[in-house]
């Protein structure tokens, strides 16, 4: 898998140096690679790092001031990114529900080999995440506020989500709002 990521990044670099007409294709490729990194951190249960990455990607708003910008950006995303959008939204709210749950315990000190491998391929800086270093109640309040922002954004999106996605989104929203 690391060879595929290295090859994809190399290909994207070559595309970016050819001509301006490839800018959108190059940006799409880099964005898809970063989405892949986000998904891999999520799947490997490295939730703090995944949370940091999704916020830096700027695909979704995490503050009311970002909603208009994110809505405008959806007009310029390629079809490949828009096809992933419902899954990204659902995964992000699932991630937030996990972070809000009482059972979640931070394990930032235990960096696995996979974490180091994924971090080496990510386009983000390699610092340890400080996003979730606040105390539990502050984190819960922030997650609840961000969930409200995401649900407002979802309501304004120009894409239609499947009914099963809406049900799962409501479950995640409920888990975040009811976290103690």
N, C-alpha and C. Protein backbone atom coordinates (compact mmCIF):
# COMPACT_ATOMS: atom_id res chain seq x y z
N UNK A 1 0.81 -1.20 0.00
CA UNK A 1 0.00 0.00 0.00
C UNK A 1 0.86 1.27 0.00
N UNK A 2 1.98 1.33 0.73
CA UNK A 2 2.78 2.56 0.71
C UNK A 2 3.30 2.89 -0.68
N UNK A 3 3.61 1.86 -1.51
CA UNK A 3 4.07 2.12 -2.87
C UNK A 3 3.00 2.78 -3.71
N UNK A 4 1.74 2.39 -3.51
CA UNK A 4 0.64 2.99 -4.25
C UNK A 4 0.51 4.47 -3.89
N UNK A 5 0.58 4.77 -2.59
CA UNK A 5 0.49 6.17 -2.16
C UNK A 5 1.65 6.99 -2.69
N UNK A 6 2.85 6.44 -2.63
CA UNK A 6 4.03 7.16 -3.13
C UNK A 6 3.90 7.39 -4.64
N UNK A 7 3.43 6.38 -5.36
CA UNK A 7 3.24 6.52 -6.80
C UNK A 7 2.18 7.56 -7.12
N UNK A 8 1.09 7.55 -6.37
CA UNK A 8 0.02 8.51 -6.61
C UNK A 8 0.49 9.93 -6.34
N UNK A 9 1.24 10.12 -5.26
CA UNK A 9 1.78 11.45 -4.96
C UNK A 9 2.78 11.89 -6.04
N UNK A 10 3.60 10.98 -6.50
CA UNK A 10 4.55 11.29 -7.56
C UNK A 10 3.82 11.69 -8.84
N UNK A 11 2.77 10.94 -9.17
CA UNK A 11 1.96 11.24 -10.34
C UNK A 11 1.31 12.62 -10.22
N UNK A 12 0.78 12.92 -9.05
CA UNK A 12 0.16 14.22 -8.83
C UNK A 12 1.18 15.34 -8.96
N UNK A 13 2.38 15.12 -8.48
CA UNK A 13 3.43 16.12 -8.61
C UNK A 13 3.79 16.37 -10.08
N UNK A 14 3.88 15.28 -10.85
CA UNK A 14 4.17 15.42 -12.28
C UNK A 14 3.05 16.17 -13.00
N UNK A 15 1.80 15.84 -12.65
CA UNK A 15 0.67 16.52 -13.28
C UNK A 15 0.70 18.02 -12.99
N UNK A 16 1.04 18.36 -11.76
CA UNK A 16 1.02 19.78 -11.39
C UNK A 16 2.09 20.57 -12.12
N UNK A 17 3.13 19.92 -12.58
CA UNK A 17 4.20 20.63 -13.27
C UNK A 17 4.00 20.70 -14.78
N UNK A 18 3.01 20.00 -15.32
CA UNK A 18 2.82 19.97 -16.77
C UNK A 18 2.16 21.24 -17.28
N UNK A 19 0.90 21.48 -16.91
CA UNK A 19 0.17 22.64 -17.42
C UNK A 19 -0.92 23.02 -16.43
N UNK A 20 -1.42 24.24 -16.58
CA UNK A 20 -2.49 24.71 -15.72
C UNK A 20 -3.79 23.95 -15.91
N UNK A 21 -4.02 23.38 -17.10
CA UNK A 21 -5.27 22.65 -17.36
C UNK A 21 -5.41 21.42 -16.46
N UNK A 22 -4.29 20.97 -15.89
CA UNK A 22 -4.34 19.81 -15.02
C UNK A 22 -4.51 20.19 -13.55
N UNK A 23 -4.64 21.48 -13.26
CA UNK A 23 -4.77 21.92 -11.87
C UNK A 23 -5.93 21.26 -11.14
N UNK A 24 -7.09 21.21 -11.77
CA UNK A 24 -8.25 20.62 -11.12
C UNK A 24 -8.04 19.11 -10.89
N UNK A 25 -7.48 18.45 -11.89
CA UNK A 25 -7.20 17.02 -11.76
C UNK A 25 -6.19 16.77 -10.64
N UNK A 26 -5.17 17.60 -10.61
CA UNK A 26 -4.15 17.46 -9.57
C UNK A 26 -4.74 17.71 -8.19
N UNK A 27 -5.52 18.77 -8.06
CA UNK A 27 -6.15 19.06 -6.77
C UNK A 27 -7.09 17.95 -6.34
N UNK A 28 -7.82 17.40 -7.30
CA UNK A 28 -8.72 16.28 -6.99
C UNK A 28 -7.92 15.09 -6.49
N UNK A 29 -6.84 14.78 -7.16
CA UNK A 29 -6.01 13.64 -6.76
C UNK A 29 -5.46 13.84 -5.35
N UNK A 30 -4.91 15.02 -5.08
CA UNK A 30 -4.38 15.29 -3.73
C UNK A 30 -5.48 15.23 -2.67
N UNK A 31 -6.64 15.77 -2.99
CA UNK A 31 -7.75 15.73 -2.04
C UNK A 31 -8.20 14.30 -1.78
N UNK A 32 -8.29 13.50 -2.84
CA UNK A 32 -8.67 12.10 -2.66
C UNK A 32 -7.62 11.33 -1.85
N UNK A 33 -6.36 11.64 -2.05
CA UNK A 33 -5.31 11.00 -1.24
C UNK A 33 -5.44 11.41 0.23
N UNK A 34 -5.75 12.67 0.48
CA UNK A 34 -5.92 13.11 1.86
C UNK A 34 -7.18 12.51 2.49
N UNK A 35 -8.23 12.34 1.70
CA UNK A 35 -9.43 11.65 2.19
C UNK A 35 -9.08 10.21 2.53
N UNK A 36 -8.27 9.57 1.70
CA UNK A 36 -7.81 8.20 1.97
C UNK A 36 -7.06 8.15 3.30
N UNK A 37 -6.18 9.10 3.54
CA UNK A 37 -5.42 9.14 4.81
C UNK A 37 -6.38 9.29 5.97
N UNK A 38 -7.37 10.18 5.83
CA UNK A 38 -8.38 10.38 6.87
C UNK A 38 -9.10 9.06 7.17
N UNK A 39 -9.52 8.36 6.14
CA UNK A 39 -10.23 7.10 6.32
C UNK A 39 -9.34 6.06 6.99
N UNK A 40 -8.08 6.00 6.60
CA UNK A 40 -7.16 5.03 7.20
C UNK A 40 -6.93 5.31 8.69
N UNK A 41 -6.79 6.57 9.07
CA UNK A 41 -6.66 6.90 10.49
C UNK A 41 -7.93 6.53 11.24
N UNK A 42 -9.06 6.79 10.64
CA UNK A 42 -10.33 6.42 11.26
C UNK A 42 -10.42 4.91 11.45
N UNK A 43 -10.14 4.17 10.39
CA UNK A 43 -10.22 2.71 10.45
C UNK A 43 -9.23 2.12 11.45
N UNK A 44 -8.08 2.75 11.62
CA UNK A 44 -7.09 2.24 12.57
C UNK A 44 -7.33 2.79 13.98
N UNK A 45 -8.49 3.42 14.18
CA UNK A 45 -8.94 3.93 15.48
C UNK A 45 -8.00 4.99 16.06
N UNK A 46 -7.37 5.72 15.21
CA UNK A 46 -6.54 6.86 15.62
C UNK A 46 -7.40 8.11 15.44
N UNK A 47 -8.38 8.21 16.33
CA UNK A 47 -9.45 9.17 16.16
C UNK A 47 -9.00 10.62 16.28
N UNK A 48 -8.08 10.91 17.15
CA UNK A 48 -7.62 12.29 17.29
C UNK A 48 -6.94 12.77 16.01
N UNK A 49 -6.12 11.94 15.44
CA UNK A 49 -5.42 12.31 14.20
C UNK A 49 -6.42 12.44 13.04
N UNK A 50 -7.38 11.53 12.98
CA UNK A 50 -8.41 11.60 11.94
C UNK A 50 -9.19 12.91 12.07
N UNK A 51 -9.51 13.28 13.30
CA UNK A 51 -10.26 14.52 13.55
C UNK A 51 -9.45 15.74 13.11
N UNK A 52 -8.18 15.72 13.38
CA UNK A 52 -7.30 16.81 12.96
C UNK A 52 -7.26 16.91 11.43
N UNK A 53 -7.17 15.79 10.77
CA UNK A 53 -7.08 15.78 9.31
C UNK A 53 -8.36 16.29 8.67
N UNK A 54 -9.52 15.82 9.14
CA UNK A 54 -10.77 16.26 8.51
C UNK A 54 -10.98 17.76 8.70
N UNK A 55 -10.52 18.29 9.82
CA UNK A 55 -10.65 19.73 10.01
C UNK A 55 -9.72 20.49 9.07
N UNK A 56 -8.53 19.99 8.86
CA UNK A 56 -7.58 20.67 7.97
C UNK A 56 -7.95 20.54 6.50
N UNK A 57 -8.69 19.52 6.15
CA UNK A 57 -9.10 19.36 4.76
C UNK A 57 -10.07 20.45 4.31
N UNK A 58 -10.79 21.04 5.22
CA UNK A 58 -11.75 22.11 4.93
C UNK A 58 -12.87 21.67 3.98
N UNK A 59 -13.18 20.39 3.98
CA UNK A 59 -14.31 19.90 3.19
C UNK A 59 -15.63 20.17 3.89
N UNK A 60 -15.58 20.21 5.21
CA UNK A 60 -16.77 20.39 6.04
C UNK A 60 -16.55 21.57 6.98
N UNK A 61 -17.62 22.29 7.31
CA UNK A 61 -17.47 23.40 8.25
C UNK A 61 -17.51 22.91 9.70
N UNK A 62 -16.67 23.50 10.52
CA UNK A 62 -16.67 23.19 11.95
C UNK A 62 -16.97 24.45 12.77
N UNK A 63 -17.25 25.55 12.06
CA UNK A 63 -17.66 26.80 12.69
C UNK A 63 -18.70 27.45 11.77
N UNK A 64 -19.62 28.20 12.36
CA UNK A 64 -20.67 28.85 11.57
C UNK A 64 -20.09 29.74 10.47
N UNK A 65 -18.94 30.33 10.73
CA UNK A 65 -18.32 31.22 9.75
C UNK A 65 -17.79 30.47 8.52
N UNK A 66 -17.69 29.15 8.60
CA UNK A 66 -17.16 28.36 7.49
C UNK A 66 -18.25 27.78 6.59
N UNK A 67 -19.51 27.89 6.99
CA UNK A 67 -20.60 27.25 6.25
C UNK A 67 -20.69 27.76 4.82
N UNK A 68 -20.74 29.07 4.64
CA UNK A 68 -20.87 29.63 3.29
C UNK A 68 -19.71 29.24 2.39
N UNK A 69 -18.51 29.29 2.95
CA UNK A 69 -17.32 28.93 2.16
C UNK A 69 -17.38 27.46 1.74
N UNK A 70 -17.78 26.57 2.64
CA UNK A 70 -17.86 25.15 2.30
C UNK A 70 -18.97 24.88 1.28
N UNK A 71 -20.10 25.59 1.41
CA UNK A 71 -21.17 25.45 0.42
C UNK A 71 -20.70 25.91 -0.95
N UNK A 72 -20.00 27.02 -1.00
CA UNK A 72 -19.47 27.53 -2.27
C UNK A 72 -18.47 26.55 -2.88
N UNK A 73 -17.65 25.96 -2.04
CA UNK A 73 -16.62 25.02 -2.51
C UNK A 73 -17.22 23.79 -3.16
N UNK A 74 -18.40 23.37 -2.70
CA UNK A 74 -19.02 22.18 -3.29
C UNK A 74 -19.30 22.38 -4.78
N UNK A 75 -19.42 23.63 -5.22
CA UNK A 75 -19.66 23.91 -6.65
C UNK A 75 -18.42 23.61 -7.49
N UNK A 76 -17.27 23.54 -6.87
CA UNK A 76 -16.02 23.37 -7.61
C UNK A 76 -15.38 22.00 -7.44
N UNK A 77 -15.94 21.19 -6.54
CA UNK A 77 -15.38 19.85 -6.35
C UNK A 77 -15.68 18.98 -7.56
N UNK A 78 -14.77 18.09 -7.85
CA UNK A 78 -14.98 17.14 -8.95
C UNK A 78 -16.06 16.14 -8.54
N UNK A 79 -16.56 15.42 -9.52
CA UNK A 79 -17.59 14.41 -9.24
C UNK A 79 -17.04 13.31 -8.34
N UNK A 80 -15.74 13.03 -8.44
CA UNK A 80 -15.13 12.00 -7.59
C UNK A 80 -15.20 12.40 -6.11
N UNK A 81 -14.96 13.65 -5.84
CA UNK A 81 -15.03 14.12 -4.45
C UNK A 81 -16.48 14.19 -3.99
N UNK A 82 -17.37 14.68 -4.84
CA UNK A 82 -18.78 14.78 -4.47
C UNK A 82 -19.40 13.40 -4.24
N UNK A 83 -18.92 12.40 -4.97
CA UNK A 83 -19.40 11.04 -4.76
C UNK A 83 -19.05 10.54 -3.36
N UNK A 84 -17.94 11.02 -2.81
CA UNK A 84 -17.49 10.62 -1.47
C UNK A 84 -18.14 11.44 -0.36
N UNK A 85 -18.74 12.56 -0.71
CA UNK A 85 -19.19 13.53 0.28
C UNK A 85 -20.14 12.95 1.32
N UNK A 86 -21.20 12.21 0.94
CA UNK A 86 -22.08 11.65 1.99
C UNK A 86 -21.32 10.74 2.96
N UNK A 87 -20.39 9.95 2.44
CA UNK A 87 -19.60 9.06 3.30
C UNK A 87 -18.67 9.85 4.22
N UNK A 88 -18.11 10.94 3.71
CA UNK A 88 -17.23 11.78 4.53
C UNK A 88 -18.03 12.41 5.66
N UNK A 89 -19.22 12.90 5.34
CA UNK A 89 -20.08 13.51 6.37
C UNK A 89 -20.43 12.48 7.43
N UNK A 90 -20.87 11.31 6.99
CA UNK A 90 -21.26 10.26 7.94
C UNK A 90 -20.08 9.80 8.78
N UNK A 91 -18.94 9.60 8.16
CA UNK A 91 -17.76 9.17 8.91
C UNK A 91 -17.35 10.24 9.92
N UNK A 92 -17.44 11.50 9.54
CA UNK A 92 -17.04 12.58 10.43
C UNK A 92 -17.98 12.66 11.64
N UNK A 93 -19.27 12.54 11.41
CA UNK A 93 -20.19 12.56 12.55
C UNK A 93 -20.05 11.31 13.41
N UNK A 94 -19.74 10.19 12.80
CA UNK A 94 -19.45 8.97 13.58
C UNK A 94 -18.21 9.19 14.43
N UNK A 95 -17.20 9.78 13.85
CA UNK A 95 -15.97 10.10 14.57
C UNK A 95 -16.27 11.02 15.74
N UNK A 96 -17.06 12.04 15.51
CA UNK A 96 -17.41 12.97 16.58
C UNK A 96 -18.20 12.28 17.68
N UNK A 97 -19.08 11.34 17.30
CA UNK A 97 -19.84 10.58 18.30
C UNK A 97 -18.91 9.70 19.13
N UNK A 98 -17.92 9.12 18.50
CA UNK A 98 -16.94 8.30 19.22
C UNK A 98 -16.16 9.17 20.20
N UNK A 99 -15.72 10.32 19.73
CA UNK A 99 -14.96 11.22 20.59
C UNK A 99 -15.81 11.73 21.75
N UNK A 100 -17.09 11.88 21.53
CA UNK A 100 -17.99 12.37 22.57
C UNK A 100 -18.39 11.28 23.57
N UNK A 101 -18.21 10.03 23.19
CA UNK A 101 -18.66 8.94 24.06
C UNK A 101 -17.81 8.82 25.31
N UNK A 102 -18.42 8.37 26.35
CA UNK A 102 -17.73 8.21 27.63
C UNK A 102 -16.64 7.15 27.54
N UNK A 103 -16.86 6.15 26.68
CA UNK A 103 -15.91 5.04 26.57
C UNK A 103 -14.61 5.43 25.90
N UNK A 104 -14.61 6.55 25.16
CA UNK A 104 -13.41 6.93 24.43
C UNK A 104 -12.30 7.35 25.38
N UNK A 105 -11.15 6.78 25.21
CA UNK A 105 -9.99 7.14 26.02
C UNK A 105 -8.85 7.46 25.06
N UNK A 106 -8.27 8.62 25.22
CA UNK A 106 -7.19 9.04 24.34
C UNK A 106 -5.97 8.14 24.52
N UNK A 107 -5.41 7.74 23.40
CA UNK A 107 -4.19 6.93 23.44
C UNK A 107 -3.13 7.56 22.55
N UNK A 108 -2.99 8.86 22.65
CA UNK A 108 -2.05 9.59 21.79
C UNK A 108 -0.61 9.16 22.03
N UNK A 109 -0.32 8.64 23.22
CA UNK A 109 1.05 8.24 23.52
C UNK A 109 1.45 6.96 22.77
N UNK A 110 0.47 6.14 22.42
CA UNK A 110 0.76 4.88 21.74
C UNK A 110 0.67 5.06 20.24
N UNK A 111 1.75 5.47 19.63
CA UNK A 111 1.77 5.62 18.18
C UNK A 111 2.17 4.29 17.56
N UNK A 112 1.26 3.73 16.80
CA UNK A 112 1.54 2.44 16.19
C UNK A 112 2.40 2.62 14.94
N UNK A 113 2.91 1.49 14.47
CA UNK A 113 3.69 1.50 13.24
C UNK A 113 2.85 2.03 12.08
N UNK A 114 1.57 1.64 12.03
CA UNK A 114 0.70 2.09 10.95
C UNK A 114 0.52 3.60 11.02
N UNK A 115 0.39 4.14 12.22
CA UNK A 115 0.25 5.59 12.38
C UNK A 115 1.48 6.29 11.81
N UNK A 116 2.65 5.80 12.11
CA UNK A 116 3.86 6.42 11.61
C UNK A 116 3.95 6.31 10.10
N UNK A 117 3.55 5.16 9.57
CA UNK A 117 3.56 4.96 8.12
C UNK A 117 2.58 5.91 7.44
N UNK A 118 1.36 6.02 7.97
CA UNK A 118 0.38 6.90 7.39
C UNK A 118 0.78 8.36 7.53
N UNK A 119 1.35 8.71 8.66
CA UNK A 119 1.78 10.09 8.87
C UNK A 119 2.86 10.48 7.87
N UNK A 120 3.70 9.54 7.52
CA UNK A 120 4.78 9.81 6.58
C UNK A 120 4.26 10.09 5.17
N UNK A 121 3.05 9.60 4.85
CA UNK A 121 2.51 9.82 3.52
C UNK A 121 1.53 10.98 3.49
N UNK A 122 1.15 11.49 4.64
CA UNK A 122 0.16 12.55 4.70
C UNK A 122 0.76 13.88 4.27
N UNK A 123 -0.08 14.74 3.67
CA UNK A 123 0.39 16.07 3.28
C UNK A 123 0.32 17.06 4.44
N UNK A 124 -0.12 16.60 5.60
CA UNK A 124 -0.22 17.46 6.77
C UNK A 124 1.05 17.40 7.58
N UNK A 125 1.22 18.38 8.46
CA UNK A 125 2.41 18.37 9.29
C UNK A 125 2.39 17.17 10.24
N UNK A 126 3.53 16.85 10.77
CA UNK A 126 3.68 15.60 11.51
C UNK A 126 3.63 15.78 13.02
N UNK A 127 3.15 16.93 13.49
CA UNK A 127 3.04 17.13 14.93
C UNK A 127 2.03 16.16 15.53
N UNK A 128 2.19 15.91 16.80
CA UNK A 128 1.17 15.15 17.52
C UNK A 128 -0.04 16.05 17.68
N UNK A 129 -1.21 15.50 17.55
CA UNK A 129 -2.43 16.29 17.60
C UNK A 129 -2.62 16.93 18.97
N UNK A 130 -2.93 18.22 18.97
CA UNK A 130 -3.27 18.93 20.19
C UNK A 130 -4.73 19.34 20.19
N UNK A 131 -5.46 18.95 19.17
CA UNK A 131 -6.84 19.40 19.02
C UNK A 131 -7.72 18.92 20.18
N UNK A 132 -7.48 17.71 20.64
CA UNK A 132 -8.36 17.16 21.67
C UNK A 132 -7.71 17.17 23.06
N UNK A 133 -6.77 18.06 23.28
CA UNK A 133 -6.08 18.05 24.55
C UNK A 133 -6.81 18.83 25.64
N UNK A 134 -7.99 19.39 25.32
CA UNK A 134 -8.76 20.10 26.32
C UNK A 134 -9.41 19.11 27.26
N UNK A 135 -9.93 19.59 28.40
CA UNK A 135 -10.57 18.66 29.33
C UNK A 135 -11.90 18.17 28.75
N UNK A 136 -12.44 17.11 29.31
CA UNK A 136 -13.57 16.38 28.72
C UNK A 136 -14.79 17.26 28.48
N UNK A 137 -15.21 18.09 29.45
CA UNK A 137 -16.41 18.90 29.26
C UNK A 137 -16.22 19.93 28.16
N UNK A 138 -15.04 20.53 28.09
CA UNK A 138 -14.77 21.48 27.01
C UNK A 138 -14.82 20.81 25.65
N UNK A 139 -14.30 19.60 25.57
CA UNK A 139 -14.33 18.83 24.32
C UNK A 139 -15.77 18.51 23.93
N UNK A 140 -16.57 18.06 24.90
CA UNK A 140 -17.97 17.74 24.60
C UNK A 140 -18.74 18.96 24.12
N UNK A 141 -18.53 20.08 24.77
CA UNK A 141 -19.21 21.31 24.35
C UNK A 141 -18.80 21.69 22.93
N UNK A 142 -17.52 21.57 22.62
CA UNK A 142 -17.02 21.88 21.29
C UNK A 142 -17.58 20.91 20.24
N UNK A 143 -17.62 19.63 20.56
CA UNK A 143 -18.17 18.65 19.63
C UNK A 143 -19.65 18.89 19.38
N UNK A 144 -20.40 19.25 20.41
CA UNK A 144 -21.82 19.54 20.25
C UNK A 144 -22.02 20.77 19.37
N UNK A 145 -21.22 21.78 19.58
CA UNK A 145 -21.30 22.99 18.76
C UNK A 145 -20.98 22.66 17.30
N UNK A 146 -19.94 21.88 17.09
CA UNK A 146 -19.55 21.52 15.73
C UNK A 146 -20.59 20.62 15.06
N UNK A 147 -21.23 19.74 15.84
CA UNK A 147 -22.29 18.90 15.28
C UNK A 147 -23.46 19.77 14.82
N UNK A 148 -23.79 20.81 15.59
CA UNK A 148 -24.85 21.73 15.18
C UNK A 148 -24.49 22.40 13.85
N UNK A 149 -23.24 22.82 13.72
CA UNK A 149 -22.78 23.46 12.49
C UNK A 149 -22.90 22.49 11.32
N UNK A 150 -22.46 21.25 11.51
CA UNK A 150 -22.53 20.26 10.43
C UNK A 150 -23.97 19.97 10.03
N UNK A 151 -24.88 19.91 11.00
CA UNK A 151 -26.26 19.64 10.63
C UNK A 151 -26.91 20.82 9.92
N UNK A 152 -26.54 22.00 10.26
CA UNK A 152 -27.02 23.17 9.51
C UNK A 152 -26.49 23.09 8.08
N UNK A 153 -25.21 22.76 7.94
CA UNK A 153 -24.57 22.63 6.63
C UNK A 153 -25.25 21.55 5.79
N UNK A 154 -25.52 20.40 6.40
CA UNK A 154 -26.16 19.29 5.69
C UNK A 154 -27.51 19.72 5.12
N UNK A 155 -28.25 20.51 5.90
CA UNK A 155 -29.54 20.98 5.45
C UNK A 155 -29.46 21.92 4.26
N UNK A 156 -28.33 22.57 4.08
CA UNK A 156 -28.14 23.52 2.98
C UNK A 156 -27.45 22.91 1.76
N UNK A 157 -26.96 21.69 1.90
CA UNK A 157 -26.22 21.05 0.80
C UNK A 157 -27.10 20.86 -0.44
N UNK A 158 -26.53 21.08 -1.61
CA UNK A 158 -27.30 20.89 -2.85
C UNK A 158 -27.36 19.43 -3.31
N UNK A 159 -26.88 18.51 -2.50
CA UNK A 159 -26.92 17.09 -2.88
C UNK A 159 -27.95 16.37 -2.03
N UNK A 160 -28.53 15.33 -2.57
CA UNK A 160 -29.52 14.53 -1.86
C UNK A 160 -28.82 13.34 -1.22
N UNK A 161 -29.07 13.16 0.06
CA UNK A 161 -28.52 12.02 0.78
C UNK A 161 -29.57 10.91 0.84
N UNK A 162 -29.13 9.67 0.79
CA UNK A 162 -30.04 8.53 0.89
C UNK A 162 -30.68 8.49 2.27
N UNK A 163 -31.86 7.90 2.35
CA UNK A 163 -32.59 7.84 3.62
C UNK A 163 -31.79 7.13 4.71
N UNK A 164 -31.08 6.05 4.36
CA UNK A 164 -30.31 5.33 5.37
C UNK A 164 -29.19 6.20 5.92
N UNK A 165 -28.65 7.11 5.10
CA UNK A 165 -27.62 8.03 5.56
C UNK A 165 -28.23 9.01 6.56
N UNK A 166 -29.43 9.50 6.27
CA UNK A 166 -30.10 10.41 7.20
C UNK A 166 -30.33 9.74 8.56
N UNK A 167 -30.75 8.49 8.54
CA UNK A 167 -30.99 7.77 9.79
C UNK A 167 -29.68 7.65 10.57
N UNK A 168 -28.61 7.27 9.91
CA UNK A 168 -27.32 7.14 10.59
C UNK A 168 -26.82 8.49 11.10
N UNK A 169 -27.03 9.54 10.34
CA UNK A 169 -26.63 10.88 10.77
C UNK A 169 -27.39 11.28 12.04
N UNK A 170 -28.67 10.99 12.07
CA UNK A 170 -29.48 11.32 13.26
C UNK A 170 -29.01 10.52 14.47
N UNK A 171 -28.65 9.26 14.27
CA UNK A 171 -28.12 8.45 15.38
C UNK A 171 -26.84 9.06 15.92
N UNK A 172 -25.94 9.46 15.04
CA UNK A 172 -24.68 10.08 15.47
C UNK A 172 -24.94 11.39 16.19
N UNK A 173 -25.82 12.21 15.63
CA UNK A 173 -26.15 13.48 16.24
C UNK A 173 -26.71 13.26 17.65
N UNK A 174 -27.58 12.29 17.79
CA UNK A 174 -28.17 11.96 19.09
C UNK A 174 -27.09 11.51 20.07
N UNK A 175 -26.16 10.68 19.62
CA UNK A 175 -25.08 10.21 20.49
C UNK A 175 -24.21 11.36 20.96
N UNK A 176 -23.95 12.32 20.07
CA UNK A 176 -23.14 13.48 20.43
C UNK A 176 -23.90 14.35 21.44
N UNK A 177 -25.15 14.63 21.16
CA UNK A 177 -25.93 15.51 22.03
C UNK A 177 -26.19 14.90 23.41
N UNK A 178 -26.27 13.56 23.48
CA UNK A 178 -26.57 12.91 24.76
C UNK A 178 -25.32 12.47 25.52
N UNK A 179 -24.15 12.76 25.01
CA UNK A 179 -22.91 12.38 25.69
C UNK A 179 -22.78 13.18 26.98
N UNK A 180 -22.28 12.52 27.98
CA UNK A 180 -22.13 13.18 29.30
C UNK A 180 -20.71 13.63 29.51
